[in-house]
N, C-alpha and C. Protein backbone atom coordinates (compact mmCIF):
# COMPACT_ATOMS: atom_id res chain seq x y z
N UNK A 1 301.04 86.87 224.63
CA UNK A 1 299.74 86.83 225.26
C UNK A 1 299.89 86.19 226.62
N UNK A 2 299.35 86.81 227.61
CA UNK A 2 299.52 86.28 228.97
C UNK A 2 298.43 85.28 229.29
N UNK A 3 298.68 84.54 230.35
CA UNK A 3 297.74 83.52 230.76
C UNK A 3 296.81 84.02 231.84
N UNK A 4 296.53 85.28 231.89
CA UNK A 4 295.60 85.83 232.87
C UNK A 4 294.51 86.59 232.13
N UNK A 5 293.35 86.65 232.74
CA UNK A 5 292.24 87.38 232.13
C UNK A 5 292.36 88.86 232.46
N UNK A 6 291.42 89.67 232.02
CA UNK A 6 291.47 91.11 232.26
C UNK A 6 291.45 91.48 233.74
N UNK A 7 290.71 90.69 234.52
CA UNK A 7 290.63 91.05 235.94
C UNK A 7 291.77 90.46 236.76
N UNK A 8 292.73 89.82 236.11
CA UNK A 8 293.91 89.35 236.81
C UNK A 8 293.86 87.90 237.23
N UNK A 9 292.75 87.22 237.04
CA UNK A 9 292.68 85.81 237.42
C UNK A 9 293.25 84.95 236.30
N UNK A 10 293.85 83.85 236.62
CA UNK A 10 294.43 82.99 235.59
C UNK A 10 293.33 82.40 234.68
N UNK A 11 293.62 82.28 233.39
CA UNK A 11 292.70 81.71 232.42
C UNK A 11 292.89 80.19 232.48
N UNK A 12 291.93 79.51 233.10
CA UNK A 12 292.07 78.09 233.40
C UNK A 12 292.03 77.20 232.15
N UNK A 13 291.15 77.48 231.22
CA UNK A 13 290.97 76.61 230.05
C UNK A 13 291.57 77.20 228.79
N UNK A 14 292.68 77.88 228.93
CA UNK A 14 293.30 78.55 227.78
C UNK A 14 293.60 77.57 226.64
N UNK A 15 294.19 76.40 226.85
CA UNK A 15 294.46 75.47 225.73
C UNK A 15 293.17 75.01 225.03
N UNK A 16 292.13 74.78 225.82
CA UNK A 16 290.86 74.33 225.24
C UNK A 16 290.22 75.43 224.40
N UNK A 17 290.25 76.65 224.89
CA UNK A 17 289.67 77.78 224.15
C UNK A 17 290.47 78.01 222.87
N UNK A 18 291.78 77.95 222.96
CA UNK A 18 292.63 78.16 221.79
C UNK A 18 292.40 77.06 220.74
N UNK A 19 292.35 75.81 221.17
CA UNK A 19 292.13 74.69 220.26
C UNK A 19 290.78 74.79 219.58
N UNK A 20 289.74 75.08 220.36
CA UNK A 20 288.40 75.23 219.81
C UNK A 20 288.34 76.36 218.79
N UNK A 21 288.99 77.46 219.08
CA UNK A 21 289.01 78.59 218.16
C UNK A 21 289.67 78.23 216.85
N UNK A 22 290.80 77.54 216.92
CA UNK A 22 291.51 77.14 215.71
C UNK A 22 290.65 76.19 214.87
N UNK A 23 290.00 75.23 215.53
CA UNK A 23 289.16 74.28 214.81
C UNK A 23 288.00 74.99 214.14
N UNK A 24 287.31 75.87 214.84
CA UNK A 24 286.15 76.58 214.28
C UNK A 24 286.58 77.47 213.12
N UNK A 25 287.65 78.24 213.27
CA UNK A 25 288.11 79.12 212.20
C UNK A 25 288.54 78.30 210.99
N UNK A 26 289.20 77.18 211.21
CA UNK A 26 289.64 76.33 210.11
C UNK A 26 288.44 75.75 209.35
N UNK A 27 287.48 75.19 210.06
CA UNK A 27 286.33 74.59 209.40
C UNK A 27 285.47 75.62 208.68
N UNK A 28 285.19 76.73 209.33
CA UNK A 28 284.35 77.75 208.72
C UNK A 28 285.07 78.39 207.54
N UNK A 29 286.32 78.70 207.71
CA UNK A 29 287.09 79.32 206.63
C UNK A 29 287.18 78.42 205.41
N UNK A 30 287.50 77.16 205.61
CA UNK A 30 287.58 76.24 204.48
C UNK A 30 286.21 75.95 203.89
N UNK A 31 285.21 75.91 204.73
CA UNK A 31 283.86 75.66 204.24
C UNK A 31 283.37 76.72 203.29
N UNK A 32 283.67 77.98 203.58
CA UNK A 32 283.23 79.07 202.72
C UNK A 32 284.09 79.21 201.47
N UNK A 33 285.32 78.77 201.52
CA UNK A 33 286.20 78.96 200.36
C UNK A 33 286.29 77.75 199.45
N UNK A 34 285.85 76.58 199.88
CA UNK A 34 286.01 75.36 199.09
C UNK A 34 285.24 75.42 197.77
N UNK A 35 283.97 75.79 197.79
CA UNK A 35 283.16 75.82 196.56
C UNK A 35 283.74 76.78 195.52
N UNK A 36 284.10 78.02 195.88
CA UNK A 36 284.69 78.90 194.87
C UNK A 36 286.02 78.39 194.31
N UNK A 37 286.81 77.75 195.15
CA UNK A 37 288.10 77.22 194.68
C UNK A 37 287.86 76.08 193.70
N UNK A 38 286.91 75.19 194.00
CA UNK A 38 286.61 74.07 193.11
C UNK A 38 286.09 74.59 191.77
N UNK A 39 285.20 75.58 191.79
CA UNK A 39 284.69 76.15 190.54
C UNK A 39 285.80 76.84 189.76
N UNK A 40 286.67 77.58 190.43
CA UNK A 40 287.73 78.32 189.75
C UNK A 40 288.73 77.37 189.09
N UNK A 41 289.02 76.26 189.72
CA UNK A 41 289.97 75.31 189.18
C UNK A 41 289.34 74.35 188.17
N UNK A 42 288.02 74.35 188.10
CA UNK A 42 287.32 73.48 187.15
C UNK A 42 287.36 72.02 187.55
N UNK A 43 287.43 71.74 188.82
CA UNK A 43 287.50 70.36 189.30
C UNK A 43 286.14 69.68 189.24
N UNK A 44 285.09 70.39 189.59
CA UNK A 44 283.75 69.81 189.67
C UNK A 44 283.19 69.55 188.28
N UNK A 45 282.47 68.43 188.15
CA UNK A 45 281.80 68.11 186.90
C UNK A 45 280.42 68.75 186.89
N UNK A 46 280.02 69.22 185.74
CA UNK A 46 278.70 69.80 185.59
C UNK A 46 277.66 68.69 185.68
N UNK A 47 276.49 68.97 186.24
CA UNK A 47 275.44 67.94 186.32
C UNK A 47 275.03 67.39 184.95
N UNK A 48 275.01 68.24 183.93
CA UNK A 48 274.66 67.78 182.59
C UNK A 48 275.68 66.76 182.08
N UNK A 49 276.96 67.00 182.38
CA UNK A 49 278.01 66.05 181.96
C UNK A 49 277.80 64.71 182.65
N UNK A 50 277.54 64.74 183.94
CA UNK A 50 277.34 63.51 184.70
C UNK A 50 276.11 62.76 184.20
N UNK A 51 275.03 63.48 183.91
CA UNK A 51 273.80 62.84 183.42
C UNK A 51 274.04 62.19 182.06
N UNK A 52 274.77 62.88 181.18
CA UNK A 52 275.06 62.33 179.85
C UNK A 52 275.96 61.10 179.98
N UNK A 53 276.95 61.18 180.84
CA UNK A 53 277.86 60.05 181.05
C UNK A 53 277.09 58.84 181.56
N UNK A 54 276.17 59.06 182.51
CA UNK A 54 275.38 57.96 183.05
C UNK A 54 274.48 57.36 181.97
N UNK A 55 273.84 58.21 181.16
CA UNK A 55 272.96 57.72 180.10
C UNK A 55 273.75 56.90 179.08
N UNK A 56 274.94 57.35 178.73
CA UNK A 56 275.76 56.60 177.78
C UNK A 56 276.16 55.25 178.37
N UNK A 57 276.52 55.24 179.65
CA UNK A 57 276.90 53.99 180.30
C UNK A 57 275.71 53.04 180.38
N UNK A 58 274.53 53.56 180.72
CA UNK A 58 273.33 52.72 180.77
C UNK A 58 273.04 52.12 179.39
N UNK A 59 273.21 52.92 178.36
CA UNK A 59 272.97 52.44 177.01
C UNK A 59 273.92 51.29 176.66
N UNK A 60 275.18 51.45 176.97
CA UNK A 60 276.16 50.39 176.68
C UNK A 60 275.88 49.13 177.49
N UNK A 61 275.52 49.30 178.76
CA UNK A 61 275.19 48.14 179.59
C UNK A 61 273.98 47.40 179.04
N UNK A 62 273.00 48.15 178.59
CA UNK A 62 271.79 47.54 178.06
C UNK A 62 272.08 46.80 176.76
N UNK A 63 272.91 47.38 175.90
CA UNK A 63 273.29 46.68 174.67
C UNK A 63 273.99 45.36 175.01
N UNK A 64 274.85 45.39 176.00
CA UNK A 64 275.53 44.16 176.42
C UNK A 64 274.52 43.15 176.97
N UNK A 65 273.54 43.66 177.74
CA UNK A 65 272.52 42.78 178.29
C UNK A 65 271.62 42.18 177.22
N UNK A 66 271.36 42.93 176.16
CA UNK A 66 270.49 42.42 175.08
C UNK A 66 271.13 41.27 174.31
N UNK A 67 272.43 41.17 174.34
CA UNK A 67 273.10 40.08 173.63
C UNK A 67 272.88 38.74 174.34
N UNK A 68 272.76 38.76 175.63
CA UNK A 68 272.64 37.50 176.37
C UNK A 68 271.34 36.75 176.08
N UNK A 69 270.17 37.39 176.04
CA UNK A 69 268.96 36.62 175.70
C UNK A 69 269.03 35.98 174.32
N UNK A 70 269.74 36.62 173.39
CA UNK A 70 269.89 36.03 172.07
C UNK A 70 270.71 34.74 172.15
N UNK A 71 271.76 34.75 172.97
CA UNK A 71 272.57 33.54 173.16
C UNK A 71 271.73 32.44 173.79
N UNK A 72 270.92 32.80 174.78
CA UNK A 72 270.07 31.82 175.46
C UNK A 72 269.00 31.28 174.51
N UNK A 73 268.49 32.13 173.62
CA UNK A 73 267.48 31.68 172.66
C UNK A 73 268.07 30.63 171.71
N UNK A 74 269.32 30.83 171.30
CA UNK A 74 269.97 29.86 170.42
C UNK A 74 270.18 28.52 171.11
N UNK A 75 270.44 28.56 172.41
CA UNK A 75 270.65 27.32 173.17
C UNK A 75 269.34 26.63 173.51
N UNK A 76 268.23 27.36 173.42
CA UNK A 76 266.89 26.84 173.71
C UNK A 76 266.80 26.26 175.13
N UNK A 77 267.41 26.95 176.10
CA UNK A 77 267.36 26.49 177.48
C UNK A 77 266.39 27.31 178.33
N UNK A 78 265.89 28.42 177.78
CA UNK A 78 265.00 29.31 178.52
C UNK A 78 263.71 29.45 177.71
N UNK A 79 262.56 29.42 178.38
CA UNK A 79 261.29 29.58 177.66
C UNK A 79 261.22 30.93 176.94
N UNK A 80 260.56 30.93 175.77
CA UNK A 80 260.44 32.13 174.97
C UNK A 80 259.74 33.26 175.72
N UNK A 81 258.78 32.94 176.56
CA UNK A 81 258.06 33.97 177.32
C UNK A 81 259.01 34.72 178.24
N UNK A 82 259.94 34.02 178.85
CA UNK A 82 260.92 34.64 179.74
C UNK A 82 261.87 35.52 178.94
N UNK A 83 262.32 35.02 177.81
CA UNK A 83 263.22 35.80 176.96
C UNK A 83 262.53 37.07 176.45
N UNK A 84 261.27 36.94 176.07
CA UNK A 84 260.53 38.12 175.61
C UNK A 84 260.40 39.16 176.71
N UNK A 85 260.15 38.70 177.92
CA UNK A 85 260.05 39.63 179.05
C UNK A 85 261.38 40.34 179.29
N UNK A 86 262.46 39.59 179.23
CA UNK A 86 263.79 40.19 179.39
C UNK A 86 264.06 41.21 178.29
N UNK A 87 263.75 40.85 177.07
CA UNK A 87 263.98 41.78 175.95
C UNK A 87 263.16 43.05 176.10
N UNK A 88 261.89 42.92 176.49
CA UNK A 88 261.03 44.11 176.66
C UNK A 88 261.59 45.03 177.73
N UNK A 89 262.03 44.46 178.85
CA UNK A 89 262.60 45.28 179.92
C UNK A 89 263.86 45.99 179.48
N UNK A 90 264.73 45.27 178.80
CA UNK A 90 265.98 45.86 178.33
C UNK A 90 265.73 46.89 177.23
N UNK A 91 264.77 46.61 176.36
CA UNK A 91 264.44 47.57 175.30
C UNK A 91 263.89 48.86 175.89
N UNK A 92 263.04 48.73 176.92
CA UNK A 92 262.52 49.93 177.59
C UNK A 92 263.65 50.71 178.25
N UNK A 93 264.58 50.01 178.84
CA UNK A 93 265.73 50.68 179.47
C UNK A 93 266.58 51.39 178.42
N UNK A 94 266.74 50.74 177.26
CA UNK A 94 267.52 51.35 176.18
C UNK A 94 266.81 52.61 175.66
N UNK A 95 265.50 52.55 175.49
CA UNK A 95 264.75 53.73 175.05
C UNK A 95 264.89 54.87 176.05
N UNK A 96 264.84 54.52 177.34
CA UNK A 96 265.00 55.54 178.37
C UNK A 96 266.39 56.18 178.29
N UNK A 97 267.41 55.36 178.11
CA UNK A 97 268.78 55.90 178.01
C UNK A 97 268.92 56.78 176.78
N UNK A 98 268.34 56.35 175.66
CA UNK A 98 268.40 57.17 174.45
C UNK A 98 267.65 58.48 174.65
N UNK A 99 266.50 58.41 175.32
CA UNK A 99 265.74 59.62 175.60
C UNK A 99 266.52 60.58 176.48
N UNK A 100 267.23 60.04 177.45
CA UNK A 100 268.05 60.89 178.31
C UNK A 100 269.19 61.52 177.53
N UNK A 101 269.77 60.75 176.61
CA UNK A 101 270.85 61.31 175.78
C UNK A 101 270.30 62.41 174.87
N UNK A 102 269.15 62.17 174.28
CA UNK A 102 268.55 63.19 173.42
C UNK A 102 268.13 64.39 174.26
N UNK A 103 267.64 64.14 175.46
CA UNK A 103 267.23 65.23 176.35
C UNK A 103 268.40 66.06 176.81
N UNK A 104 269.58 65.46 176.97
CA UNK A 104 270.73 66.24 177.42
C UNK A 104 271.27 67.11 176.30
N UNK A 105 270.95 66.76 175.03
CA UNK A 105 271.37 67.61 173.92
C UNK A 105 270.46 68.81 173.76
N UNK A 106 269.19 68.68 174.19
CA UNK A 106 268.26 69.80 174.09
C UNK A 106 268.55 70.79 175.20
N UNK A 107 267.98 71.96 175.06
CA UNK A 107 268.22 73.02 176.04
C UNK A 107 267.59 72.68 177.39
N UNK A 108 266.34 72.13 177.36
CA UNK A 108 265.70 71.89 178.66
C UNK A 108 265.87 70.46 179.13
N UNK A 109 265.91 69.47 178.26
CA UNK A 109 266.19 68.09 178.64
C UNK A 109 265.25 67.50 179.65
N UNK A 110 264.05 68.04 179.80
CA UNK A 110 263.15 67.58 180.86
C UNK A 110 262.13 66.57 180.40
N UNK A 111 261.96 66.33 179.11
CA UNK A 111 260.90 65.45 178.63
C UNK A 111 261.07 64.03 179.16
N UNK A 112 262.23 63.42 178.96
CA UNK A 112 262.41 62.04 179.41
C UNK A 112 262.48 61.97 180.93
N UNK A 113 263.05 62.98 181.57
CA UNK A 113 263.09 62.99 183.02
C UNK A 113 261.69 63.10 183.60
N UNK A 114 260.85 63.92 182.96
CA UNK A 114 259.49 64.09 183.43
C UNK A 114 258.72 62.78 183.28
N UNK A 115 258.85 62.11 182.14
CA UNK A 115 258.17 60.84 181.92
C UNK A 115 258.67 59.80 182.92
N UNK A 116 259.96 59.79 183.17
CA UNK A 116 260.53 58.85 184.12
C UNK A 116 260.01 59.12 185.53
N UNK A 117 259.92 60.39 185.88
CA UNK A 117 259.42 60.76 187.21
C UNK A 117 257.96 60.34 187.37
N UNK A 118 257.15 60.56 186.32
CA UNK A 118 255.74 60.17 186.37
C UNK A 118 255.62 58.65 186.49
N UNK A 119 256.43 57.92 185.70
CA UNK A 119 256.41 56.46 185.77
C UNK A 119 256.74 55.97 187.18
N UNK A 120 257.81 56.53 187.75
CA UNK A 120 258.22 56.09 189.09
C UNK A 120 257.14 56.38 190.12
N UNK A 121 256.48 57.54 190.02
CA UNK A 121 255.42 57.87 190.97
C UNK A 121 254.23 56.93 190.81
N UNK A 122 253.85 56.67 189.55
CA UNK A 122 252.74 55.74 189.32
C UNK A 122 253.07 54.34 189.82
N UNK A 123 254.29 53.91 189.59
CA UNK A 123 254.69 52.57 190.05
C UNK A 123 254.68 52.51 191.58
N UNK A 124 255.11 53.60 192.23
CA UNK A 124 255.04 53.63 193.70
C UNK A 124 253.60 53.54 194.18
N UNK A 125 252.69 54.24 193.49
CA UNK A 125 251.27 54.18 193.83
C UNK A 125 250.74 52.75 193.68
N UNK A 126 251.14 52.10 192.59
CA UNK A 126 250.71 50.71 192.39
C UNK A 126 251.28 49.78 193.44
N UNK A 127 252.50 50.02 193.84
CA UNK A 127 253.09 49.20 194.91
C UNK A 127 252.31 49.39 196.21
N UNK A 128 251.88 50.62 196.49
CA UNK A 128 251.07 50.87 197.68
C UNK A 128 249.75 50.10 197.61
N UNK A 129 249.14 50.08 196.44
CA UNK A 129 247.90 49.31 196.26
C UNK A 129 248.16 47.82 196.47
N UNK A 130 249.25 47.33 195.90
CA UNK A 130 249.60 45.93 196.06
C UNK A 130 249.89 45.59 197.52
N UNK A 131 250.54 46.50 198.23
CA UNK A 131 250.83 46.28 199.65
C UNK A 131 249.54 46.20 200.46
N UNK A 132 248.60 47.08 200.16
CA UNK A 132 247.31 47.05 200.85
C UNK A 132 246.58 45.74 200.57
N UNK A 133 246.59 45.32 199.32
CA UNK A 133 245.96 44.05 198.95
C UNK A 133 246.64 42.89 199.66
N UNK A 134 247.95 42.91 199.69
CA UNK A 134 248.71 41.84 200.33
C UNK A 134 248.38 41.75 201.81
N UNK A 135 248.40 42.88 202.49
CA UNK A 135 248.16 42.88 203.93
C UNK A 135 246.70 42.61 204.26
N UNK A 136 245.81 43.42 203.67
CA UNK A 136 244.41 43.37 204.07
C UNK A 136 243.63 42.21 203.53
N UNK A 137 243.69 42.01 202.25
CA UNK A 137 242.81 41.03 201.64
C UNK A 137 243.39 39.62 201.57
N UNK A 138 244.68 39.52 201.63
CA UNK A 138 245.28 38.19 201.57
C UNK A 138 245.74 37.69 202.94
N UNK A 139 246.58 38.47 203.60
CA UNK A 139 247.14 38.00 204.87
C UNK A 139 246.11 38.08 206.00
N UNK A 140 245.47 39.23 206.17
CA UNK A 140 244.50 39.38 207.26
C UNK A 140 243.30 38.46 207.08
N UNK A 141 242.98 38.11 205.83
CA UNK A 141 241.87 37.19 205.57
C UNK A 141 242.34 35.73 205.64
N UNK A 142 243.58 35.51 206.04
CA UNK A 142 244.16 34.17 206.22
C UNK A 142 244.18 33.37 204.92
N UNK A 143 244.41 34.05 203.80
CA UNK A 143 244.52 33.36 202.52
C UNK A 143 245.95 32.97 202.22
N UNK A 144 246.91 33.67 202.86
CA UNK A 144 248.32 33.34 202.68
C UNK A 144 248.99 33.28 204.05
N UNK A 145 250.09 32.57 204.10
CA UNK A 145 250.84 32.45 205.36
C UNK A 145 251.71 33.69 205.58
N UNK A 146 252.23 33.78 206.79
CA UNK A 146 253.12 34.90 207.11
C UNK A 146 254.40 34.83 206.29
N UNK A 147 254.89 33.64 206.05
CA UNK A 147 256.10 33.46 205.24
C UNK A 147 255.88 33.99 203.83
N UNK A 148 254.76 33.66 203.23
CA UNK A 148 254.45 34.14 201.88
C UNK A 148 254.28 35.65 201.89
N UNK A 149 253.60 36.18 202.91
CA UNK A 149 253.41 37.64 203.00
C UNK A 149 254.75 38.34 203.09
N UNK A 150 255.65 37.83 203.92
CA UNK A 150 256.95 38.47 204.08
C UNK A 150 257.76 38.42 202.79
N UNK A 151 257.72 37.31 202.08
CA UNK A 151 258.47 37.20 200.82
C UNK A 151 257.93 38.19 199.78
N UNK A 152 256.60 38.26 199.68
CA UNK A 152 256.00 39.19 198.72
C UNK A 152 256.26 40.64 199.12
N UNK A 153 256.16 40.93 200.41
CA UNK A 153 256.40 42.30 200.88
C UNK A 153 257.85 42.70 200.65
N UNK A 154 258.76 41.77 200.84
CA UNK A 154 260.17 42.05 200.57
C UNK A 154 260.38 42.40 199.10
N UNK A 155 259.74 41.65 198.23
CA UNK A 155 259.85 41.92 196.80
C UNK A 155 259.31 43.31 196.46
N UNK A 156 258.17 43.68 197.03
CA UNK A 156 257.61 45.01 196.81
C UNK A 156 258.52 46.10 197.37
N UNK A 157 259.07 45.86 198.55
CA UNK A 157 259.97 46.84 199.16
C UNK A 157 261.23 47.04 198.33
N UNK A 158 261.78 45.95 197.80
CA UNK A 158 262.98 46.06 196.97
C UNK A 158 262.68 46.83 195.68
N UNK A 159 261.52 46.57 195.09
CA UNK A 159 261.17 47.30 193.88
C UNK A 159 260.99 48.79 194.17
N UNK A 160 260.37 49.09 195.29
CA UNK A 160 260.20 50.50 195.67
C UNK A 160 261.54 51.17 195.94
N UNK A 161 262.45 50.44 196.56
CA UNK A 161 263.79 51.00 196.81
C UNK A 161 264.52 51.25 195.49
N UNK A 162 264.36 50.36 194.52
CA UNK A 162 265.00 50.57 193.20
C UNK A 162 264.44 51.81 192.53
N UNK A 163 263.16 52.08 192.71
CA UNK A 163 262.55 53.27 192.12
C UNK A 163 263.13 54.53 192.72
N UNK A 164 263.50 54.48 193.98
CA UNK A 164 264.07 55.66 194.64
C UNK A 164 265.50 55.92 194.19
N UNK A 165 266.24 54.86 193.80
CA UNK A 165 267.64 55.02 193.41
C UNK A 165 267.81 55.68 192.06
N UNK A 166 266.79 55.59 191.26
CA UNK A 166 266.93 56.12 189.90
C UNK A 166 267.04 57.57 189.88
């Protein structure tokens, strides 16, 4: 291949054009062939497998977590109300994990996911109501300080972020 164009003038940016062409062909070619190759080799995990694996792991973590409040109850170092709250939260998490496991065995598996989605949306709505109350009726009415408002808002923001991660 010569270094001149059709009209006889030298091709000034030949290395740049060649490099760009190689990069584009490489990226586009690999981009279109990667998914079929991964599927053909069986490298990718099915979403149902990943969901079941996560539900099983959540269940085991929750069982481990449920043992700790029992140890604390025996030591009598934590108030019973706090332990009950911890147990209720962990029990709800365990029920959710079991529901997800049962849902992954069914053909559609959407019952527990649907309930979880509804719960998360309702909790987000309640957080919005709490945020409005915090800003308008408490802070703007000078019932709480800016420091208190920021601490409470941070707590609400963190809870909302946790709802999005699920």
